[in-house]
Amino acid sequence: MTNQPARSRATLTGISSRAWEHPADQGALVALRKLKGFDTVLKAVSGMFNERAFRLVFLGSAVRVDERQFPALHYLLGDVARVLDAEELPEMYVAANPVLNAMTIGMNKPFIVLNSGLVDLLDDEELRFVIAHELGHAISGHAVYQTLLQRLLVLSGVLSSLPFGGLGVRAITAALYEWSRKAELSADRAGLLATQDPAAAFRVHMQLASGGHLDHLDTTSFFAQGQEYLDSSDLRDSVLKLLLIENRTHPFAVVRAAELRRWVDSGDYTRYLAGGYPRRTTDDDAKVTDAARAAAASYSETFQQSQDVLGKLVHDIAGVAGSVKLWLDERLRRDDG
């Protein structure tokens, strides 16, 4: 950590987590919030002991951040909570682990864990982004899905021994992995809204990709590398990319940086900082159909913008199928007439 002069940041009073949730993530979250009691049942299935056990592990083996222990991190947590107008301040721990990682654990009372390797590497503005990223997970309630994913992973191992037993679970698990990757993009947006410094956010992705050799990196080249990955023109590469990320909970660092910059370029980030963001008071009015439509539009836009041959192929096939459906509907209407 380094000492840097504080600067003012807009407080996003009453902001809804829908402001930062990726459309594909938000569709699932809105549907979940409409299922009153689902999270309660999942928490009961998960068992309160598991969450308490995890907290006790870190309470006994890590350092809890407060006014006297890692006070700079304590300040950052309080400040990002202020900017995002968080209703509760989660506990935060620093664990002795050189791996560059952080995580949010727990459904009833989520808490944040920062690995010491990350704390050693990043400066204050970069740590602000990471802490806000994790706070975004907590506010959105992503732990519910992560718990469901972990339970299904265990279940898929049991059912895989049965003929066709694991196919349905594998399909659901694949969907949850896809959700998890989109949830990371959501949390990145939360991190940026709290940091209000795109350069710091992009530096975090560059640090994660390089292991901390920021002095040897160039932002333009890094984004060009990410675009090269996204724009593969070889069908074999497209298939390989699908296989490589199939069982990953996080997108690759270059993809996260590219997706975050795309969100900034869309204008949403600037509009939200100016106050044009959705409010928590309207969360109950959010419709599942609207969220699903936005998710579909997001995937379609991604396919259109990408030069990835498989993505464009899927998009073109979907377009042809849609045209055929419209033609058939028109013919049937004429025949009925």
Protein backbone atom coordinates (compact mmCIF):
# COMPACT_ATOMS: atom_id res chain seq x y z
CA MET A 1 0.00 0.00 0.00
CA THR A 2 1.08 3.56 -0.62
CA ASN A 3 -0.09 6.82 0.86
CA GLN A 4 -1.84 8.90 -1.79
CA PRO A 5 -3.76 12.17 -1.35
CA ALA A 6 -7.49 11.66 -0.93
CA ARG A 7 -9.79 13.05 -3.59
CA SER A 8 -13.50 13.65 -3.60
CA ARG A 9 -15.85 11.10 -5.09
CA ALA A 10 -19.53 11.36 -5.87
CA THR A 11 -21.73 9.56 -3.34
CA LEU A 12 -24.28 7.43 -5.17
CA THR A 13 -27.11 7.79 -2.68
CA GLY A 14 -29.74 5.05 -2.85
CA ILE A 15 -28.08 3.35 -5.82
CA SER A 16 -29.47 -0.07 -6.74
CA SER A 17 -27.15 -2.96 -7.46
CA ARG A 18 -28.94 -3.15 -10.81
CA ALA A 19 -26.78 -0.18 -11.82
CA TRP A 20 -23.67 -2.32 -11.95
CA GLU A 21 -25.07 -5.77 -12.67
CA HIS A 22 -24.25 -7.14 -16.11
CA PRO A 23 -27.49 -7.88 -18.03
CA ALA A 24 -26.82 -11.63 -18.01
CA ASP A 25 -26.19 -11.48 -14.26
CA GLN A 26 -29.12 -9.18 -13.54
CA GLY A 27 -31.59 -11.45 -15.33
CA ALA A 28 -30.85 -14.26 -12.90
CA LEU A 29 -30.77 -11.96 -9.88
CA VAL A 30 -34.11 -10.29 -10.67
CA ALA A 31 -35.71 -13.72 -11.11
CA LEU A 32 -34.25 -14.88 -7.80
CA ARG A 33 -35.51 -11.80 -5.96
CA LYS A 34 -39.00 -12.51 -7.29
CA LEU A 35 -38.88 -16.01 -5.75
CA LYS A 36 -39.63 -14.98 -2.21
CA GLY A 37 -38.11 -17.40 0.24
CA PHE A 38 -35.76 -19.13 -2.22
CA ASP A 39 -32.66 -17.67 -0.60
CA THR A 40 -34.01 -18.68 2.82
CA VAL A 41 -34.42 -22.28 1.69
CA LEU A 42 -30.95 -22.33 0.13
CA LYS A 43 -29.44 -20.96 3.29
CA ALA A 44 -31.16 -23.69 5.28
CA VAL A 45 -29.92 -26.38 2.87
CA SER A 46 -26.41 -24.96 3.00
CA GLY A 47 -26.50 -25.09 6.77
CA MET A 48 -25.64 -22.30 9.12
CA PHE A 49 -22.69 -24.26 10.46
CA ASN A 50 -20.75 -24.00 7.20
CA GLU A 51 -20.82 -20.21 7.13
CA ARG A 52 -19.96 -19.97 10.82
CA ALA A 53 -17.11 -22.42 10.31
CA PHE A 54 -15.64 -20.35 7.47
CA ARG A 55 -15.77 -17.20 9.57
CA LEU A 56 -14.14 -18.99 12.50
CA VAL A 57 -11.32 -20.18 10.22
CA PHE A 58 -10.43 -16.61 9.27
CA LEU A 59 -11.11 -15.29 12.75
CA GLY A 60 -8.53 -17.75 14.04
CA SER A 61 -5.96 -17.71 11.22
CA ALA A 62 -6.15 -14.26 9.56
CA VAL A 63 -6.24 -10.64 10.71
CA ARG A 64 -9.54 -8.79 11.00
CA VAL A 65 -9.34 -5.28 9.61
CA ASP A 66 -10.41 -2.47 11.96
CA GLU A 67 -9.33 0.98 13.12
CA ARG A 68 -6.10 -0.40 14.63
CA GLN A 69 -5.29 -3.34 12.33
CA PHE A 70 -4.69 -2.38 8.71
CA PRO A 71 -6.31 1.01 9.35
CA ALA A 72 -5.74 2.14 5.74
CA LEU A 73 -7.76 -0.83 4.48
CA HIS A 74 -10.42 -0.12 7.09
CA TYR A 75 -10.70 3.43 5.77
CA LEU A 76 -10.97 2.21 2.18
CA LEU A 77 -13.75 -0.21 3.08
CA GLY A 78 -15.71 2.51 4.84
CA ASP A 79 -15.20 4.94 1.98
CA VAL A 80 -16.31 2.59 -0.81
CA ALA A 81 -19.32 1.66 1.34
CA ARG A 82 -20.11 5.37 1.59
CA VAL A 83 -19.82 5.90 -2.17
CA LEU A 84 -22.02 2.88 -2.96
CA ASP A 85 -24.36 3.82 -0.07
CA ALA A 86 -24.09 0.31 1.36
CA GLU A 87 -26.64 -0.39 4.07
CA GLU A 88 -24.25 -2.67 5.99
CA LEU A 89 -20.47 -2.76 6.35
CA PRO A 90 -19.12 -6.33 6.04
CA GLU A 91 -16.18 -7.60 8.06
CA MET A 92 -12.89 -7.81 6.20
CA TYR A 93 -9.83 -10.00 6.82
CA VAL A 94 -6.28 -10.14 5.49
CA ALA A 95 -5.08 -13.73 5.08
CA ALA A 96 -1.46 -14.86 4.71
CA ASN A 97 -1.54 -16.06 1.13
CA PRO A 98 0.78 -15.00 -1.73
CA VAL A 99 -1.83 -15.77 -4.41
CA LEU A 100 -3.23 -12.59 -5.96
CA ASN A 101 -6.84 -13.05 -4.97
CA ALA A 102 -9.74 -11.75 -2.90
CA MET A 103 -13.14 -13.24 -2.16
CA THR A 104 -16.49 -12.64 -0.51
CA ILE A 105 -17.87 -15.45 1.66
CA GLY A 106 -21.22 -15.98 3.36
CA MET A 107 -24.90 -15.39 2.68
CA ASN A 108 -26.31 -14.17 5.99
CA LYS A 109 -23.40 -11.90 6.87
CA PRO A 110 -20.95 -11.83 3.97
CA PHE A 111 -17.34 -10.98 4.79
CA ILE A 112 -14.42 -10.05 2.57
CA VAL A 113 -11.02 -11.75 2.51
CA LEU A 114 -7.97 -10.11 0.93
CA ASN A 115 -4.90 -12.24 0.35
CA SER A 116 -1.68 -10.69 1.65
CA GLY A 117 -0.08 -10.99 -1.80
CA LEU A 118 -2.71 -8.62 -3.17
CA VAL A 119 -2.29 -6.16 -0.29
CA ASP A 120 1.50 -6.13 -0.79
CA LEU A 121 1.24 -5.56 -4.53
CA LEU A 122 -1.48 -2.95 -5.06
CA ASP A 123 -1.52 0.73 -4.22
CA ASP A 124 -4.41 2.39 -2.37
CA GLU A 125 -6.47 3.22 -5.46
CA GLU A 126 -6.09 -0.30 -6.83
CA LEU A 127 -7.03 -1.78 -3.45
CA ARG A 128 -10.05 0.51 -3.38
CA PHE A 129 -11.19 -1.06 -6.66
CA VAL A 130 -10.68 -4.61 -5.32
CA ILE A 131 -12.52 -3.92 -2.06
CA ALA A 132 -15.41 -2.27 -3.90
CA HIS A 133 -15.49 -5.22 -6.32
CA GLU A 134 -15.97 -7.57 -3.36
CA LEU A 135 -18.52 -5.24 -1.74
CA GLY A 136 -20.44 -5.32 -5.02
CA HIS A 137 -20.60 -9.12 -4.75
CA ALA A 138 -21.94 -8.83 -1.21
CA ILE A 139 -24.60 -6.23 -2.05
CA SER A 140 -25.80 -8.15 -5.12
CA GLY A 141 -26.13 -11.36 -3.12
CA HIS A 142 -23.85 -13.37 -5.39
CA ALA A 143 -22.99 -15.72 -2.53
CA VAL A 144 -26.37 -17.41 -2.97
CA TYR A 145 -25.44 -18.49 -6.48
CA GLN A 146 -21.91 -19.42 -5.52
CA THR A 147 -23.29 -21.71 -2.83
CA LEU A 148 -25.69 -23.30 -5.29
CA LEU A 149 -22.83 -23.80 -7.76
CA GLN A 150 -20.67 -25.52 -5.17
CA ARG A 151 -23.53 -27.81 -4.14
CA LEU A 152 -24.16 -28.76 -7.77
CA LEU A 153 -20.48 -29.49 -8.33
CA VAL A 154 -20.63 -32.00 -5.50
CA LEU A 155 -23.89 -33.42 -6.84
CA SER A 156 -22.53 -33.75 -10.38
CA GLY A 157 -19.69 -35.90 -9.05
CA VAL A 158 -22.19 -38.26 -7.45
CA LEU A 159 -24.52 -38.43 -10.44
CA SER A 160 -21.74 -38.87 -12.99
CA SER A 161 -21.55 -42.54 -12.04
CA LEU A 162 -25.14 -43.05 -13.19
CA PRO A 163 -26.11 -43.46 -16.90
CA PHE A 164 -27.21 -40.01 -18.12
CA GLY A 165 -27.53 -39.01 -14.48
CA GLY A 166 -25.15 -36.10 -14.65
CA LEU A 167 -26.30 -34.55 -17.95
CA GLY A 168 -28.96 -32.30 -16.48
CA VAL A 169 -26.80 -31.28 -13.55
CA ARG A 170 -23.88 -30.60 -15.89
CA ALA A 171 -26.05 -28.30 -18.01
CA ILE A 172 -27.17 -26.38 -14.93
CA THR A 173 -23.60 -26.26 -13.63
CA ALA A 174 -22.37 -24.88 -16.96
CA ALA A 175 -25.05 -22.19 -16.79
CA LEU A 176 -23.97 -21.30 -13.25
CA TYR A 177 -20.34 -21.07 -14.34
CA GLU A 178 -21.44 -18.69 -17.08
CA TRP A 179 -23.41 -16.70 -14.51
CA SER A 180 -20.36 -16.61 -12.23
CA ARG A 181 -18.21 -15.12 -14.99
CA LYS A 182 -20.82 -12.46 -15.67
CA ALA A 183 -21.09 -11.77 -11.92
CA GLU A 184 -17.38 -10.92 -11.96
CA LEU A 185 -18.03 -8.35 -14.69
CA SER A 186 -20.80 -6.91 -12.51
CA ALA A 187 -18.49 -6.63 -9.52
CA ASP A 188 -15.86 -4.92 -11.69
CA ARG A 189 -18.45 -2.27 -12.53
CA ALA A 190 -19.22 -1.81 -8.83
CA GLY A 191 -15.51 -1.42 -8.22
CA LEU A 192 -15.26 1.27 -10.89
CA LEU A 193 -18.30 3.17 -9.61
CA ALA A 194 -16.73 3.29 -6.15
CA THR A 195 -13.21 4.10 -7.37
CA GLN A 196 -14.34 6.52 -10.08
CA ASP A 197 -10.93 6.05 -11.70
CA PRO A 198 -10.91 3.81 -14.81
CA ALA A 199 -7.10 3.87 -15.01
CA ALA A 200 -6.83 2.36 -11.52
CA ALA A 201 -9.34 -0.36 -12.41
CA PHE A 202 -7.46 -1.26 -15.57
CA ARG A 203 -4.19 -1.36 -13.63
CA VAL A 204 -5.63 -4.03 -11.36
CA HIS A 205 -6.37 -6.27 -14.34
CA MET A 206 -2.91 -5.64 -15.72
CA GLN A 207 -1.36 -6.48 -12.34
CA LEU A 208 -3.38 -9.70 -12.07
CA ALA A 209 -2.34 -10.75 -15.57
CA SER A 210 1.35 -9.97 -15.12
CA GLY A 211 1.87 -10.83 -11.48
CA GLY A 212 2.74 -7.26 -10.64
CA HIS A 213 5.17 -6.14 -13.34
CA LEU A 214 3.27 -2.95 -14.04
CA ASP A 215 6.39 -0.93 -14.88
CA HIS A 216 6.97 -3.20 -17.85
CA LEU A 217 3.44 -2.95 -19.24
CA ASP A 218 1.75 -0.65 -21.71
CA THR A 219 -2.00 -0.03 -21.49
CA THR A 220 -2.50 0.28 -25.25
CA SER A 221 -0.67 -2.97 -25.92
CA PHE A 222 -2.58 -4.72 -23.12
CA PHE A 223 -5.94 -3.77 -24.60
CA ALA A 224 -4.72 -4.71 -28.08
CA GLN A 225 -3.80 -8.14 -26.70
CA GLY A 226 -7.28 -8.48 -25.20
CA GLN A 227 -8.90 -7.54 -28.49
CA GLU A 228 -6.75 -10.09 -30.31
CA TYR A 229 -8.01 -12.76 -27.92
CA LEU A 230 -11.63 -11.72 -28.42
CA ASP A 231 -11.38 -11.38 -32.20
CA SER A 232 -10.01 -14.78 -33.13
CA SER A 233 -10.77 -15.53 -36.79
CA ASP A 234 -10.02 -19.25 -36.55
CA LEU A 235 -12.87 -21.63 -35.73
CA ARG A 236 -10.46 -23.90 -33.85
CA ASP A 237 -9.50 -21.04 -31.54
CA SER A 238 -13.16 -20.24 -30.93
CA VAL A 239 -13.91 -23.80 -29.89
CA LEU A 240 -10.80 -23.92 -27.73
CA LYS A 241 -11.83 -20.71 -25.95
CA LEU A 242 -15.19 -22.25 -25.08
CA LEU A 243 -13.48 -25.32 -23.67
CA LEU A 244 -10.92 -23.26 -21.74
CA ILE A 245 -13.52 -21.21 -19.88
CA GLU A 246 -16.15 -23.94 -19.46
CA ASN A 247 -15.21 -24.61 -15.83
CA ARG A 248 -13.83 -21.18 -14.89
CA THR A 249 -15.62 -18.94 -12.40
CA HIS A 250 -13.70 -15.85 -13.59
CA PRO A 251 -13.13 -14.46 -17.10
CA PHE A 252 -9.53 -13.98 -18.17
CA ALA A 253 -7.95 -10.70 -17.04
CA VAL A 254 -7.67 -9.27 -20.56
CA VAL A 255 -11.37 -10.01 -21.14
CA ARG A 256 -12.38 -8.33 -17.88
CA ALA A 257 -10.44 -5.20 -18.81
CA ALA A 258 -11.95 -5.12 -22.30
CA GLU A 259 -15.49 -5.62 -20.96
CA LEU A 260 -15.06 -2.87 -18.37
CA ARG A 261 -13.77 -0.43 -20.96
CA ARG A 262 -16.70 -1.34 -23.21
CA TRP A 263 -19.08 -0.47 -20.35
CA VAL A 264 -17.34 2.87 -19.84
CA ASP A 265 -17.59 3.59 -23.57
CA SER A 266 -21.32 2.74 -23.52
CA GLY A 267 -21.99 5.89 -21.49
CA ASP A 268 -23.62 4.16 -18.51
CA TYR A 269 -20.67 4.87 -16.21
CA THR A 270 -20.70 8.61 -16.89
CA ARG A 271 -24.48 8.80 -16.63
CA TYR A 272 -24.53 7.01 -13.28
CA LEU A 273 -21.86 9.31 -11.82
CA ALA A 274 -24.09 12.22 -12.84
CA GLY A 275 -26.97 10.70 -10.85
CA GLY A 276 -28.90 8.90 -13.59
CA TYR A 277 -28.75 5.47 -11.95
CA PRO A 278 -31.56 3.11 -10.86
CA ARG A 279 -32.58 3.44 -7.20
CA ARG A 280 -33.14 0.72 -4.62
CA THR A 281 -36.65 2.04 -4.10
CA THR A 282 -37.59 0.72 -7.56
CA ASP A 283 -36.07 -2.77 -7.17
CA ASP A 284 -39.46 -4.38 -6.51
CA ASP A 285 -40.76 -2.96 -9.80
CA ALA A 286 -38.02 -4.64 -11.86
CA LYS A 287 -39.53 -7.20 -14.25
CA VAL A 288 -38.01 -10.57 -15.05
CA THR A 289 -39.07 -10.24 -18.71
CA ASP A 290 -37.28 -6.90 -19.06
CA ALA A 291 -34.13 -8.34 -17.46
CA ALA A 292 -34.26 -11.39 -19.73
CA ARG A 293 -34.72 -9.18 -22.77
CA ALA A 294 -31.73 -7.06 -21.75
CA ALA A 295 -29.62 -10.20 -21.25
CA ALA A 296 -30.52 -11.47 -24.73
CA ALA A 297 -29.73 -8.08 -26.25
CA SER A 298 -26.38 -8.05 -24.45
CA TYR A 299 -25.35 -11.42 -25.88
CA SER A 300 -26.52 -10.36 -29.34
CA GLU A 301 -24.53 -7.13 -29.13
CA THR A 302 -21.44 -9.04 -28.01
CA PHE A 303 -21.74 -11.38 -30.99
CA GLN A 304 -22.21 -8.44 -33.36
CA GLN A 305 -19.20 -6.54 -32.04
CA SER A 306 -16.93 -9.56 -31.88
CA GLN A 307 -14.88 -10.72 -34.82
CA ASP A 308 -14.80 -14.19 -33.25
CA VAL A 309 -15.77 -16.55 -36.06
CA LEU A 310 -17.86 -18.85 -33.85
CA GLY A 311 -19.65 -15.95 -32.21
CA LYS A 312 -20.51 -14.41 -35.58
CA LEU A 313 -21.60 -17.81 -36.88
CA VAL A 314 -24.00 -18.29 -33.97
CA HIS A 315 -25.32 -14.76 -34.43
CA ASP A 316 -25.83 -15.25 -38.17
CA ILE A 317 -27.59 -18.58 -37.65
CA ALA A 318 -29.86 -16.98 -35.06
CA GLY A 319 -30.62 -14.20 -37.52
CA VAL A 320 -31.49 -16.66 -40.27
CA ALA A 321 -33.66 -18.66 -37.88
CA GLY A 322 -35.44 -15.48 -36.83
CA SER A 323 -36.05 -14.51 -40.45
CA VAL A 324 -37.44 -17.96 -41.25
CA LYS A 325 -39.76 -17.76 -38.23
CA LEU A 326 -41.05 -14.36 -39.33
CA TRP A 327 -41.63 -15.70 -42.85
CA LEU A 328 -43.53 -18.73 -41.53
CA ASP A 329 -45.62 -16.58 -39.21
CA GLU A 330 -46.55 -14.33 -42.11
CA ARG A 331 -47.46 -17.31 -44.32
CA LEU A 332 -49.62 -18.85 -41.58
CA ARG A 333 -51.44 -15.55 -41.07
CA ARG A 334 -52.14 -15.36 -44.79
CA ASP A 335 -53.38 -18.96 -44.88
CA ASP A 336 -55.66 -18.33 -41.92
CA GLY A 337 -57.01 -15.25 -43.64
